Amino acid sequence: MNLLFLCTGNSARSILAEAIFNAKAEGRHRAYSAGSHPRGEVHPLALAVLETCGVPATNLASKSWEIYSGDQAPHMDVVITVCDRAAAEACPLWPGAPVAAHWGLPDPAAVAGSEQERLAAFAATFTALEKRIDLLLGLPLEFLSPDELEQQLRAIAP
């Protein structure tokens, strides 16, 4: 199964989700991340949280979702948006018919305050994503129909 985590800037939430998923999936499945308006760099605090939590951060990059839409791109079975609709942040839409879900989270990169407060926002985002990804990887993915998988994904983060 190939999974794409989409966000607007692809510098924090979707990057964290990609790294966490790939570390926990241990090669059984593969996650990617991208943004509709990528910032062009991974946020340093996202990298710091990954390092602190022992999650590999190799090959992470802020990139446009367009690189996953061409003929040479891997087929995406699942697309999960992690942008925050409550903050009126625009969530990208994915063409085609992959299983889709929305796991909205506030953008930790938008948090103002001290370094400690900003780092705490990234840690909270990491924890929320890790819990959701653990639930996802606990599903019998090989036995779920696309409709069943979509229902389960939406139940993880209603």
Foldseek 3Di string as FASTA:
>chain_A
DEEEEEEAALAALRLLLQQLLCVVCVPVYHYYYEHQHHPFAHDPLRVVLCVVVVTDNPPRTYHHCVVQPDPPHDDHQEYEYAAAVVVVGDTDDDDDDHQYEYQYDYDLVPDDDDPVSSSVSRNVSSVLSNQLSVQLVPDPVVPDDSVRSSVSSHVSRD
